């Protein structure tokens, strides 16, 4: 699972970025990477971080697999 992308749910992304749900949807409207799987959105973590860095013009300090994000496996 080393080279696999980690996909976050909306709730996990909210926890990871410490933002409310409305901000997630606002960022999606501005082009934040996401996939729709059935009726839910999934967010490719590396792509989201890259997109956010590009928006801000700097590098965010994150871990490859954040331990503070609860998984639903």
Protein backbone atom coordinates (compact mmCIF):
# COMPACT_ATOMS: atom_id res chain seq x y z
CA UNK A 1 0.00 0.00 0.00
CA UNK A 2 3.09 2.19 -0.17
CA UNK A 3 2.37 3.77 -3.57
CA UNK A 4 -1.41 3.89 -3.24
CA UNK A 5 -3.17 7.21 -2.86
CA UNK A 6 -5.06 7.76 0.39
CA UNK A 7 -8.65 8.90 -0.20
CA UNK A 8 -10.38 10.84 2.54
CA UNK A 9 -14.09 11.12 3.20
CA UNK A 10 -15.60 14.56 3.64
CA UNK A 11 -15.54 14.11 7.42
CA UNK A 12 -11.91 12.96 7.39
CA UNK A 13 -10.93 15.94 5.23
CA UNK A 14 -12.77 18.26 7.62
CA UNK A 15 -10.79 16.76 10.53
CA UNK A 16 -7.50 16.80 8.62
CA UNK A 17 -7.80 20.45 7.59
CA UNK A 18 -9.78 21.52 10.68
CA UNK A 19 -12.44 23.21 8.55
CA UNK A 20 -16.25 23.08 8.49
CA UNK A 21 -18.25 21.18 5.87
CA UNK A 22 -19.28 24.38 4.10
CA UNK A 23 -15.64 25.27 3.50
CA UNK A 24 -15.03 21.83 1.96
CA UNK A 25 -17.83 22.44 -0.53
CA UNK A 26 -16.64 25.99 -1.22
CA UNK A 27 -13.13 24.68 -1.97
CA UNK A 28 -14.62 22.01 -4.23
CA UNK A 29 -16.35 24.79 -6.13
CA UNK A 30 -12.96 26.46 -6.57
CA UNK A 31 -11.49 23.28 -8.08
CA UNK A 32 -10.19 21.21 -5.15
CA UNK A 33 -9.60 17.64 -6.40
CA UNK A 34 -12.31 15.15 -5.50
CA UNK A 35 -14.02 12.07 -6.82
CA UNK A 36 -17.65 11.16 -6.52
CA UNK A 37 -18.17 7.53 -5.56
CA UNK A 38 -21.88 6.83 -5.71
CA UNK A 39 -23.43 9.57 -3.62
CA UNK A 40 -20.33 10.47 -1.60
CA UNK A 41 -17.21 12.49 -2.30
CA UNK A 42 -13.67 11.18 -1.77
CA UNK A 43 -10.61 13.39 -1.69
CA UNK A 44 -7.18 12.15 -2.87
CA UNK A 45 -5.00 13.46 -0.04
CA UNK A 46 -1.80 14.08 -2.03
CA UNK A 47 -3.70 15.89 -4.78
CA UNK A 48 -5.66 18.00 -2.29
CA UNK A 49 -2.47 19.00 -0.45
CA UNK A 50 -0.77 19.85 -3.76
CA UNK A 51 -3.77 21.90 -4.83
CA UNK A 52 -3.87 23.77 -1.50
CA UNK A 53 -0.12 24.47 -1.70
CA UNK A 54 -0.59 25.87 -5.18
CA UNK A 55 -3.44 28.10 -3.98
CA UNK A 56 -1.37 29.49 -1.12
CA UNK A 57 1.98 29.44 -2.89
CA UNK A 58 3.75 27.50 -0.15
CA UNK A 59 4.36 23.96 1.07
CA UNK A 60 2.15 22.46 3.77
CA UNK A 61 3.86 20.27 6.35
CA UNK A 62 1.90 17.01 6.44
CA UNK A 63 2.62 13.37 7.08
CA UNK A 64 2.19 10.80 4.32
CA UNK A 65 -0.46 9.00 6.39
CA UNK A 66 -1.81 11.27 9.10
CA UNK A 67 -2.37 9.30 12.29
CA UNK A 68 -4.94 11.77 13.60
CA UNK A 69 -7.41 10.95 10.79
CA UNK A 70 -9.79 8.17 11.83
CA UNK A 71 -10.15 5.43 9.24
CA UNK A 72 -13.41 3.68 8.51
CA UNK A 73 -11.97 0.30 7.55
